Amino acid sequence: MDDESLSDWAKRRDAKIGRLRAVPLVPGEGPSASHLNPDAPRAIQRWNGYTWEPYGTAANLAETRRLLRPRDEEPPPVTAPRPQPLRAGRGRHRKPRPGE
């Protein structure tokens, strides 16, 4: 087993501070999977470095997803390089002509 240094462990742990998670609020021991109860309310919790603390609530799965993963602005369109047309005699496996 490889032991990691305490400083590496602390950096990895501190990187998680502020992370949000959703916990379904379902009564009893029923299923709590999000796909089984999409309309169930959810408690939003935030990791403070030691424990999960209450952060807010969401009415359903769709609202939860908007809170946990907000959409950024639309990314700018990527401009592709202009395709270079193949010249005669310049196939993939051909040797280049002298002077080219």
PDB file of N, CA and C in Angstrom:
ATOM      1  N   MET A   1       0.845  -1.192   0.000  1.00  0.00           N
ATOM      2  CA  MET A   1       0.000   0.000   0.000  1.00  0.00           C
ATOM      3  C   MET A   1       0.881   1.241   0.000  1.00  0.00           C
ATOM      4  N   ASP A   2       0.586   2.177  -0.859  1.00  0.00           N
ATOM      5  CA  ASP A   2       1.348   3.420  -0.912  1.00  0.00           C
ATOM      6  C   ASP A   2       0.739   4.417   0.059  1.00  0.00           C
ATOM      7  N   ASP A   3       1.585   4.945   0.912  1.00  0.00           N
ATOM      8  CA  ASP A   3       1.116   5.971   1.850  1.00  0.00           C
ATOM      9  C   ASP A   3       1.292   7.328   1.199  1.00  0.00           C
ATOM     10  N   GLU A   4       0.230   8.139   1.239  1.00  0.00           N
ATOM     11  CA  GLU A   4       0.346   9.493   0.707  1.00  0.00           C
ATOM     12  C   GLU A   4       0.711  10.432   1.837  1.00  0.00           C
ATOM     13  N   SER A   5       1.366  11.505   1.490  1.00  0.00           N
ATOM     14  CA  SER A   5       1.782  12.454   2.522  1.00  0.00           C
ATOM     15  C   SER A   5       0.561  13.179   3.082  1.00  0.00           C
ATOM     16  N   LEU A   6       0.724  13.676   4.282  1.00  0.00           N
ATOM     17  CA  LEU A   6      -0.379  14.377   4.938  1.00  0.00           C
ATOM     18  C   LEU A   6      -0.770  15.630   4.169  1.00  0.00           C
ATOM     19  N   SER A   7       0.190  16.309   3.570  1.00  0.00           N
ATOM     20  CA  SER A   7      -0.127  17.529   2.818  1.00  0.00           C
ATOM     21  C   SER A   7      -0.952  17.198   1.569  1.00  0.00           C
ATOM     22  N   ASP A   8      -0.633  16.077   0.892  1.00  0.00           N
ATOM     23  CA  ASP A   8      -1.420  15.668  -0.269  1.00  0.00           C
ATOM     24  C   ASP A   8      -2.846  15.319   0.140  1.00  0.00           C
ATOM     25  N   TRP A   9      -2.981  14.623   1.242  1.00  0.00           N
ATOM     26  CA  TRP A   9      -4.303  14.256   1.746  1.00  0.00           C
ATOM     27  C   TRP A   9      -5.102  15.514   2.100  1.00  0.00           C
ATOM     28  N   ALA A  10      -4.446  16.484   2.746  1.00  0.00           N
ATOM     29  CA  ALA A  10      -5.137  17.717   3.137  1.00  0.00           C
ATOM     30  C   ALA A  10      -5.591  18.510   1.924  1.00  0.00           C
ATOM     31  N   LYS A  11      -4.762  18.564   0.874  1.00  0.00           N
ATOM     32  CA  LYS A  11      -5.158  19.271  -0.346  1.00  0.00           C
ATOM     33  C   LYS A  11      -6.376  18.605  -0.979  1.00  0.00           C
ATOM     34  N   ARG A  12      -6.356  17.273  -1.043  1.00  0.00           N
ATOM     35  CA  ARG A  12      -7.479  16.536  -1.634  1.00  0.00           C
ATOM     36  C   ARG A  12      -8.748  16.753  -0.811  1.00  0.00           C
ATOM     37  N   ARG A  13      -8.612  16.774   0.504  1.00  0.00           N
ATOM     38  CA  ARG A  13      -9.767  16.982   1.380  1.00  0.00           C
ATOM     39  C   ARG A  13     -10.297  18.412   1.264  1.00  0.00           C
ATOM     40  N   ASP A  14      -9.411  19.387   1.218  1.00  0.00           N
ATOM     41  CA  ASP A  14      -9.834  20.785   1.122  1.00  0.00           C
ATOM     42  C   ASP A  14     -10.478  21.101  -0.220  1.00  0.00           C
ATOM     43  N   ALA A  15     -10.129  20.368  -1.249  1.00  0.00           N
ATOM     44  CA  ALA A  15     -10.724  20.596  -2.564  1.00  0.00           C
ATOM     45  C   ALA A  15     -12.213  20.262  -2.571  1.00  0.00           C
ATOM     46  N   LYS A  16     -12.645  19.441  -1.632  1.00  0.00           N
ATOM     47  CA  LYS A  16     -14.048  19.033  -1.577  1.00  0.00           C
ATOM     48  C   LYS A  16     -14.913  19.988  -0.761  1.00  0.00           C
ATOM     49  N   ILE A  17     -14.318  20.929  -0.069  1.00  0.00           N
ATOM     50  CA  ILE A  17     -15.090  21.865   0.755  1.00  0.00           C
ATOM     51  C   ILE A  17     -15.982  22.703  -0.149  1.00  0.00           C
ATOM     52  N   GLY A  18     -17.238  22.813   0.228  1.00  0.00           N
ATOM     53  CA  GLY A  18     -18.204  23.576  -0.556  1.00  0.00           C
ATOM     54  C   GLY A  18     -19.004  22.724  -1.515  1.00  0.00           C
ATOM     55  N   ARG A  19     -18.676  21.452  -1.654  1.00  0.00           N
ATOM     56  CA  ARG A  19     -19.400  20.558  -2.559  1.00  0.00           C
ATOM     57  C   ARG A  19     -20.823  20.360  -2.041  1.00  0.00           C
ATOM     58  N   LEU A  20     -21.761  20.338  -2.960  1.00  0.00           N
ATOM     59  CA  LEU A  20     -23.170  20.155  -2.618  1.00  0.00           C
ATOM     60  C   LEU A  20     -23.619  18.743  -2.968  1.00  0.00           C
ATOM     61  N   ARG A  21     -24.584  18.238  -2.194  1.00  0.00           N
ATOM     62  CA  ARG A  21     -25.222  16.967  -2.521  1.00  0.00           C
ATOM     63  C   ARG A  21     -26.695  17.062  -2.176  1.00  0.00           C
ATOM     64  N   ALA A  22     -27.490  16.212  -2.810  1.00  0.00           N
ATOM     65  CA  ALA A  22     -28.934  16.187  -2.582  1.00  0.00           C
ATOM     66  C   ALA A  22     -29.304  14.879  -1.899  1.00  0.00           C
ATOM     67  N   VAL A  23     -30.169  14.995  -0.888  1.00  0.00           N
ATOM     68  CA  VAL A  23     -30.649  13.823  -0.166  1.00  0.00           C
ATOM     69  C   VAL A  23     -32.163  13.807  -0.303  1.00  0.00           C
ATOM     70  N   PRO A  24     -32.724  12.740  -0.899  1.00  0.00           N
ATOM     71  CA  PRO A  24     -34.181  12.681  -1.046  1.00  0.00           C
ATOM     72  C   PRO A  24     -34.866  12.591   0.316  1.00  0.00           C
ATOM     73  N   LEU A  25     -35.968  13.284   0.440  1.00  0.00           N
ATOM     74  CA  LEU A  25     -36.745  13.250   1.685  1.00  0.00           C
ATOM     75  C   LEU A  25     -37.936  12.318   1.478  1.00  0.00           C
ATOM     76  N   VAL A  26     -37.683  11.027   1.673  1.00  0.00           N
ATOM     77  CA  VAL A  26     -38.751  10.041   1.525  1.00  0.00           C
ATOM     78  C   VAL A  26     -39.026   9.429   2.886  1.00  0.00           C
ATOM     79  N   PRO A  27     -40.295   9.191   3.195  1.00  0.00           N
ATOM     80  CA  PRO A  27     -40.622   8.637   4.510  1.00  0.00           C
ATOM     81  C   PRO A  27     -40.283   7.148   4.591  1.00  0.00           C
ATOM     82  N   GLY A  28     -39.911   6.711   5.783  1.00  0.00           N
ATOM     83  CA  GLY A  28     -39.688   5.288   6.028  1.00  0.00           C
ATOM     84  C   GLY A  28     -38.465   4.738   5.327  1.00  0.00           C
ATOM     85  N   GLU A  29     -38.482   3.439   5.128  1.00  0.00           N
ATOM     86  CA  GLU A  29     -37.365   2.740   4.513  1.00  0.00           C
ATOM     87  C   GLU A  29     -37.572   2.532   3.021  1.00  0.00           C
ATOM     88  N   GLY A  30     -38.424   3.316   2.397  1.00  0.00           N
ATOM     89  CA  GLY A  30     -38.718   3.172   0.979  1.00  0.00           C
ATOM     90  C   GLY A  30     -37.513   3.481   0.117  1.00  0.00           C
ATOM     91  N   PRO A  31     -37.641   3.216  -1.185  1.00  0.00           N
ATOM     92  CA  PRO A  31     -36.516   3.490  -2.083  1.00  0.00           C
ATOM     93  C   PRO A  31     -36.229   4.987  -2.145  1.00  0.00           C
ATOM     94  N   SER A  32     -34.946   5.318  -2.141  1.00  0.00           N
ATOM     95  CA  SER A  32     -34.579   6.734  -2.170  1.00  0.00           C
ATOM     96  C   SER A  32     -33.837   7.113  -3.447  1.00  0.00           C
ATOM     97  N   ALA A  33     -33.793   6.232  -4.414  1.00  0.00           N
ATOM     98  CA  ALA A  33     -33.119   6.533  -5.669  1.00  0.00           C
ATOM     99  C   ALA A  33     -33.870   7.635  -6.408  1.00  0.00           C
ATOM    100  N   SER A  34     -33.126   8.520  -7.055  1.00  0.00           N
ATOM    101  CA  SER A  34     -33.755   9.678  -7.695  1.00  0.00           C
ATOM    102  C   SER A  34     -34.663   9.279  -8.849  1.00  0.00           C
ATOM    103  N   HIS A  35     -34.326   8.210  -9.563  1.00  0.00           N
ATOM    104  CA  HIS A  35     -35.166   7.823 -10.695  1.00  0.00           C
ATOM    105  C   HIS A  35     -36.463   7.159 -10.239  1.00  0.00           C
ATOM    106  N   LEU A  36     -36.529   6.709  -9.000  1.00  0.00           N
ATOM    107  CA  LEU A  36     -37.756   6.107  -8.482  1.00  0.00           C
ATOM    108  C   LEU A  36     -38.708   7.148  -7.899  1.00  0.00           C
ATOM    109  N   ASN A  37     -38.151   8.253  -7.416  1.00  0.00           N
ATOM    110  CA  ASN A  37     -38.959   9.318  -6.819  1.00  0.00           C
ATOM    111  C   ASN A  37     -38.555  10.678  -7.397  1.00  0.00           C
ATOM    112  N   PRO A  38     -38.823  10.922  -8.671  1.00  0.00           N
ATOM    113  CA  PRO A  38     -38.373  12.203  -9.238  1.00  0.00           C
ATOM    114  C   PRO A  38     -39.120  13.413  -8.696  1.00  0.00           C
ATOM    115  N   ASP A  39     -40.314  13.212  -8.152  1.00  0.00           N
ATOM    116  CA  ASP A  39     -41.087  14.335  -7.628  1.00  0.00           C
ATOM    117  C   ASP A  39     -40.913  14.538  -6.133  1.00  0.00           C
ATOM    118  N   ALA A  40     -40.107  13.700  -5.483  1.00  0.00           N
ATOM    119  CA  ALA A  40     -39.892  13.832  -4.035  1.00  0.00           C
ATOM    120  C   ALA A  40     -39.023  15.060  -3.758  1.00  0.00           C
ATOM    121  N   PRO A  41     -39.317  15.777  -2.670  1.00  0.00           N
ATOM    122  CA  PRO A  41     -38.459  16.915  -2.319  1.00  0.00           C
ATOM    123  C   PRO A  41     -37.090  16.427  -1.866  1.00  0.00           C
ATOM    124  N   ARG A  42     -36.103  17.301  -1.957  1.00  0.00           N
ATOM    125  CA  ARG A  42     -34.747  16.946  -1.577  1.00  0.00           C
ATOM    126  C   ARG A  42     -34.136  18.011  -0.695  1.00  0.00           C
ATOM    127  N   ALA A  43     -33.335  17.542   0.262  1.00  0.00           N
ATOM    128  CA  ALA A  43     -32.558  18.452   1.098  1.00  0.00           C
ATOM    129  C   ALA A  43     -31.202  18.620   0.431  1.00  0.00           C
ATOM    130  N   ILE A  44     -30.756  19.849   0.302  1.00  0.00           N
ATOM    131  CA  ILE A  44     -29.446  20.129  -0.270  1.00  0.00           C
ATOM    132  C   ILE A  44     -28.492  20.323   0.894  1.00  0.00           C
ATOM    133  N   GLN A  45     -27.381  19.597   0.868  1.00  0.00           N
ATOM    134  CA  GLN A  45     -26.396  19.681   1.937  1.00  0.00           C
ATOM    135  C   GLN A  45     -25.061  20.130   1.356  1.00  0.00           C
ATOM    136  N   ARG A  46     -24.269  20.782   2.208  1.00  0.00           N
ATOM    137  CA  ARG A  46     -22.966  21.313   1.782  1.00  0.00           C
ATOM    138  C   ARG A  46     -21.888  20.753   2.695  1.00  0.00           C
ATOM    139  N   TRP A  47     -20.780  20.305   2.109  1.00  0.00           N
ATOM    140  CA  TRP A  47     -19.666  19.759   2.879  1.00  0.00           C
ATOM    141  C   TRP A  47     -18.807  20.908   3.392  1.00  0.00           C
ATOM    142  N   ASN A  48     -18.594  20.964   4.705  1.00  0.00           N
ATOM    143  CA  ASN A  48     -17.812  22.057   5.287  1.00  0.00           C
ATOM    144  C   ASN A  48     -16.397  21.624   5.666  1.00  0.00           C
ATOM    145  N   GLY A  49     -16.026  20.418   5.323  1.00  0.00           N
ATOM    146  CA  GLY A  49     -14.703  19.914   5.653  1.00  0.00           C
ATOM    147  C   GLY A  49     -14.737  18.879   6.757  1.00  0.00           C
ATOM    148  N   TYR A  50     -15.834  18.856   7.518  1.00  0.00           N
ATOM    149  CA  TYR A  50     -15.949  17.913   8.621  1.00  0.00           C
ATOM    150  C   TYR A  50     -17.255  17.131   8.566  1.00  0.00           C
ATOM    151  N   THR A  51     -18.321  17.795   8.145  1.00  0.00           N
ATOM    152  CA  THR A  51     -19.628  17.153   8.108  1.00  0.00           C
ATOM    153  C   THR A  51     -20.497  17.822   7.051  1.00  0.00           C
ATOM    154  N   TRP A  52     -21.590  17.167   6.678  1.00  0.00           N
ATOM    155  CA  TRP A  52     -22.553  17.743   5.746  1.00  0.00           C
ATOM    156  C   TRP A  52     -23.506  18.626   6.540  1.00  0.00           C
ATOM    157  N   GLU A  53     -23.623  19.897   6.152  1.00  0.00           N
ATOM    158  CA  GLU A  53     -24.518  20.826   6.848  1.00  0.00           C
ATOM    159  C   GLU A  53     -25.670  21.198   5.929  1.00  0.00           C
ATOM    160  N   PRO A  54     -26.835  21.519   6.493  1.00  0.00           N
ATOM    161  CA  PRO A  54     -27.981  21.904   5.657  1.00  0.00           C
ATOM    162  C   PRO A  54     -27.658  23.167   4.859  1.00  0.00           C
ATOM    163  N   TYR A  55     -28.096  23.164   3.599  1.00  0.00           N
ATOM    164  CA  TYR A  55     -27.833  24.298   2.719  1.00  0.00           C
ATOM    165  C   TYR A  55     -29.117  24.858   2.132  1.00  0.00           C
ATOM    166  N   GLY A  56     -30.106  23.997   1.891  1.00  0.00           N
ATOM    167  CA  GLY A  56     -31.364  24.445   1.309  1.00  0.00           C
ATOM    168  C   GLY A  56     -32.229  23.252   0.953  1.00  0.00           C
ATOM    169  N   THR A  57     -33.302  23.525   0.231  1.00  0.00           N
ATOM    170  CA  THR A  57     -34.194  22.455  -0.214  1.00  0.00           C
ATOM    171  C   THR A  57     -34.546  22.664  -1.680  1.00  0.00           C
ATOM    172  N   ALA A  58     -34.985  21.583  -2.287  1.00  0.00           N
ATOM    173  CA  ALA A  58     -35.447  21.636  -3.667  1.00  0.00           C
ATOM    174  C   ALA A  58     -36.743  20.848  -3.745  1.00  0.00           C
ATOM    175  N   ALA A  59     -37.660  21.304  -4.581  1.00  0.00           N
ATOM    176  CA  ALA A  59     -38.983  20.694  -4.648  1.00  0.00           C
ATOM    177  C   ALA A  59     -38.997  19.362  -5.389  1.00  0.00           C
ATOM    178  N   ASN A  60     -38.102  19.200  -6.375  1.00  0.00           N
ATOM    179  CA  ASN A  60     -38.119  17.952  -7.153  1.00  0.00           C
ATOM    180  C   ASN A  60     -36.745  17.739  -7.780  1.00  0.00           C
ATOM    181  N   LEU A  61     -36.628  16.674  -8.549  1.00  0.00           N
ATOM    182  CA  LEU A  61     -35.346  16.311  -9.147  1.00  0.00           C
ATOM    183  C   LEU A  61     -34.853  17.364 -10.144  1.00  0.00           C
ATOM    184  N   ALA A  62     -35.744  17.914 -10.941  1.00  0.00           N
ATOM    185  CA  ALA A  62     -35.338  18.909 -11.938  1.00  0.00           C
ATOM    186  C   ALA A  62     -34.752  20.156 -11.263  1.00  0.00           C
ATOM    187  N   GLU A  63     -35.389  20.625 -10.217  1.00  0.00           N
ATOM    188  CA  GLU A  63     -34.874  21.792  -9.496  1.00  0.00           C
ATOM    189  C   GLU A  63     -33.548  21.469  -8.815  1.00  0.00           C
ATOM    190  N   THR A  64     -33.429  20.254  -8.320  1.00  0.00           N
ATOM    191  CA  THR A  64     -32.177  19.823  -7.688  1.00  0.00           C
ATOM    192  C   THR A  64     -31.032  19.862  -8.681  1.00  0.00           C
ATOM    193  N   ARG A  65     -31.269  19.362  -9.873  1.00  0.00           N
ATOM    194  CA  ARG A  65     -30.216  19.363 -10.888  1.00  0.00           C
ATOM    195  C   ARG A  65     -29.812  20.776 -11.272  1.00  0.00           C
ATOM    196  N   ARG A  66     -30.783  21.701 -11.321  1.00  0.00           N
ATOM    197  CA  ARG A  66     -30.448  23.096 -11.631  1.00  0.00           C
ATOM    198  C   ARG A  66     -29.586  23.709 -10.534  1.00  0.00           C
ATOM    199  N   LEU A  67     -29.826  23.321  -9.275  1.00  0.00           N
ATOM    200  CA  LEU A  67     -29.034  23.866  -8.176  1.00  0.00           C
ATOM    201  C   LEU A  67     -27.633  23.264  -8.114  1.00  0.00           C
ATOM    202  N   LEU A  68     -27.542  21.953  -8.317  1.00  0.00           N
ATOM    203  CA  LEU A  68     -26.253  21.282  -8.170  1.00  0.00           C
ATOM    204  C   LEU A  68     -25.348  21.468  -9.380  1.00  0.00           C
ATOM    205  N   ARG A  69     -25.925  21.545 -10.558  1.00  0.00           N
ATOM    206  CA  ARG A  69     -25.136  21.671 -11.787  1.00  0.00           C
ATOM    207  C   ARG A  69     -25.671  22.808 -12.641  1.00  0.00           C
ATOM    208  N   PRO A  70     -25.412  24.046 -12.229  1.00  0.00           N
ATOM    209  CA  PRO A  70     -25.921  25.171 -13.038  1.00  0.00           C
ATOM    210  C   PRO A  70     -25.241  25.203 -14.394  1.00  0.00           C
ATOM    211  N   ARG A  71     -26.021  25.533 -15.393  1.00  0.00           N
ATOM    212  CA  ARG A  71     -25.471  25.614 -16.750  1.00  0.00           C
ATOM    213  C   ARG A  71     -24.666  26.894 -16.885  1.00  0.00           C
ATOM    214  N   ASP A  72     -23.511  26.751 -17.436  1.00  0.00           N
ATOM    215  CA  ASP A  72     -22.687  27.930 -17.718  1.00  0.00           C
ATOM    216  C   ASP A  72     -23.230  28.587 -18.978  1.00  0.00           C
ATOM    217  N   GLU A  73     -22.664  29.728 -19.299  1.00  0.00           N
ATOM    218  CA  GLU A  73     -23.047  30.371 -20.542  1.00  0.00           C
ATOM    219  C   GLU A  73     -22.689  29.441 -21.691  1.00  0.00           C
ATOM    220  N   GLU A  74     -23.364  29.620 -22.799  1.00  0.00           N
ATOM    221  CA  GLU A  74     -23.087  28.771 -23.949  1.00  0.00           C
ATOM    222  C   GLU A  74     -21.642  28.955 -24.382  1.00  0.00           C
ATOM    223  N   PRO A  75     -20.942  27.846 -24.606  1.00  0.00           N
ATOM    224  CA  PRO A  75     -19.544  27.996 -25.021  1.00  0.00           C
ATOM    225  C   PRO A  75     -19.461  28.623 -26.407  1.00  0.00           C
ATOM    226  N   PRO A  76     -18.406  29.368 -26.655  1.00  0.00           N
ATOM    227  CA  PRO A  76     -18.274  29.981 -27.982  1.00  0.00           C
ATOM    228  C   PRO A  76     -18.098  28.893 -29.033  1.00  0.00           C
ATOM    229  N   PRO A  77     -18.597  29.149 -30.221  1.00  0.00           N
ATOM    230  CA  PRO A  77     -18.452  28.129 -31.264  1.00  0.00           C
ATOM    231  C   PRO A  77     -16.979  27.932 -31.617  1.00  0.00           C
ATOM    232  N   VAL A  78     -16.629  26.691 -31.841  1.00  0.00           N
ATOM    233  CA  VAL A  78     -15.247  26.358 -32.187  1.00  0.00           C
ATOM    234  C   VAL A  78     -15.096  26.467 -33.694  1.00  0.00           C
ATOM    235  N   THR A  79     -14.099  27.203 -34.100  1.00  0.00           N
ATOM    236  CA  THR A  79     -13.872  27.336 -35.537  1.00  0.00           C
ATOM    237  C   THR A  79     -12.886  26.266 -35.962  1.00  0.00           C
ATOM    238  N   ALA A  80     -13.303  25.460 -36.894  1.00  0.00           N
ATOM    239  CA  ALA A  80     -12.455  24.386 -37.402  1.00  0.00           C
ATOM    240  C   ALA A  80     -11.517  24.946 -38.450  1.00  0.00           C
ATOM    241  N   PRO A  81     -10.329  24.382 -38.560  1.00  0.00           N
ATOM    242  CA  PRO A  81      -9.420  24.856 -39.609  1.00  0.00           C
ATOM    243  C   PRO A  81      -9.988  24.532 -40.984  1.00  0.00           C
ATOM    244  N   ARG A  82      -9.684  25.412 -41.935  1.00  0.00           N
ATOM    245  CA  ARG A  82     -10.186  25.192 -43.300  1.00  0.00           C
ATOM    246  C   ARG A  82      -9.590  23.924 -43.872  1.00  0.00           C
ATOM    247  N   PRO A  83     -10.395  23.072 -44.458  1.00  0.00           N
ATOM    248  CA  PRO A  83      -9.832  21.861 -45.057  1.00  0.00           C
ATOM    249  C   PRO A  83      -8.997  22.227 -46.277  1.00  0.00           C
ATOM    250  N   GLN A  84      -7.894  21.546 -46.403  1.00  0.00           N
ATOM    251  CA  GLN A  84      -7.017  21.775 -47.538  1.00  0.00           C
ATOM    252  C   GLN A  84      -7.369  20.759 -48.619  1.00  0.00           C
ATOM    253  N   PRO A  85      -7.764  21.226 -49.812  1.00  0.00           N
ATOM    254  CA  PRO A  85      -8.110  20.267 -50.862  1.00  0.00           C
ATOM    255  C   PRO A  85      -6.872  19.506 -51.306  1.00  0.00           C
ATOM    256  N   LEU A  86      -7.071  18.252 -51.640  1.00  0.00           N
ATOM    257  CA  LEU A  86      -5.965  17.434 -52.122  1.00  0.00           C
ATOM    258  C   LEU A  86      -5.640  17.809 -53.555  1.00  0.00           C
ATOM    259  N   ARG A  87      -4.379  17.960 -53.819  1.00  0.00           N
ATOM    260  CA  ARG A  87      -3.959  18.234 -55.183  1.00  0.00           C
ATOM    261  C   ARG A  87      -3.746  16.914 -55.907  1.00  0.00           C
ATOM    262  N   ALA A  88      -3.756  16.971 -57.193  1.00  0.00           N
ATOM    263  CA  ALA A  88      -3.557  15.763 -57.986  1.00  0.00           C
ATOM    264  C   ALA A  88      -2.196  15.160 -57.673  1.00  0.00           C
ATOM    265  N   GLY A  89      -2.165  13.857 -57.500  1.00  0.00           N
ATOM    266  CA  GLY A  89      -0.921  13.159 -57.250  1.00  0.00           C
ATOM    267  C   GLY A  89      -0.404  13.268 -55.840  1.00  0.00           C
ATOM    268  N   ARG A  90      -1.227  13.729 -54.901  1.00  0.00           N
ATOM    269  CA  ARG A  90      -0.774  13.883 -53.513  1.00  0.00           C
ATOM    270  C   ARG A  90      -1.575  12.970 -52.595  1.00  0.00           C
ATOM    271  N   GLY A  91      -1.660  11.714 -52.947  1.00  0.00           N
ATOM    272  CA  GLY A  91      -2.404  10.779 -52.117  1.00  0.00           C
ATOM    273  C   GLY A  91      -1.706  10.531 -50.796  1.00  0.00           C
ATOM    274  N   ARG A  92      -2.354   9.820 -49.939  1.00  0.00           N
ATOM    275  CA  ARG A  92      -1.845   9.577 -48.599  1.00  0.00           C
ATOM    276  C   ARG A  92      -0.528   8.797 -48.619  1.00  0.00           C
ATOM    277  N   HIS A  93      -0.371   7.878 -49.547  1.00  0.00           N
ATOM    278  CA  HIS A  93       0.803   7.022 -49.559  1.00  0.00           C
ATOM    279  C   HIS A  93       1.806   7.390 -50.647  1.00  0.00           C
ATOM    280  N   ARG A  94       1.606   8.500 -51.322  1.00  0.00           N
ATOM    281  CA  ARG A  94       2.512   8.876 -52.396  1.00  0.00           C
ATOM    282  C   ARG A  94       3.670   9.680 -51.838  1.00  0.00           C
ATOM    283  N   LYS A  95       4.796   9.569 -52.498  1.00  0.00           N
ATOM    284  CA  LYS A  95       5.950  10.350 -52.113  1.00  0.00           C
ATOM    285  C   LYS A  95       5.781  11.777 -52.628  1.00  0.00           C
ATOM    286  N   PRO A  96       6.293  12.767 -51.902  1.00  0.00           N
ATOM    287  CA  PRO A  96       6.173  14.132 -52.411  1.00  0.00           C
ATOM    288  C   PRO A  96       7.010  14.325 -53.674  1.00  0.00           C
ATOM    289  N   ARG A  97       6.517  15.194 -54.512  1.00  0.00           N
ATOM    290  CA  ARG A  97       7.235  15.499 -55.748  1.00  0.00           C
ATOM    291  C   ARG A  97       8.448  16.342 -55.425  1.00  0.00           C
ATOM    292  N   PRO A  98       9.460  16.279 -56.260  1.00  0.00           N
ATOM    293  CA  PRO A  98      10.633  17.132 -56.018  1.00  0.00           C
ATOM    294  C   PRO A  98      10.238  18.602 -56.049  1.00  0.00           C
ATOM    295  N   GLY A  99      10.756  19.356 -55.111  1.00  0.00           N
ATOM    296  CA  GLY A  99      10.467  20.772 -55.045  1.00  0.00           C
ATOM    297  C   GLY A  99       9.232  21.094 -54.207  1.00  0.00           C
ATOM    298  N   GLU A 100       8.592  20.124 -53.626  1.00  0.00           N
ATOM    299  CA  GLU A 100       7.395  20.403 -52.800  1.00  0.00           C
ATOM    300  C   GLU A 100       7.718  20.232 -51.342  1.00  0.00           C
TER     301      GLU A 100
END
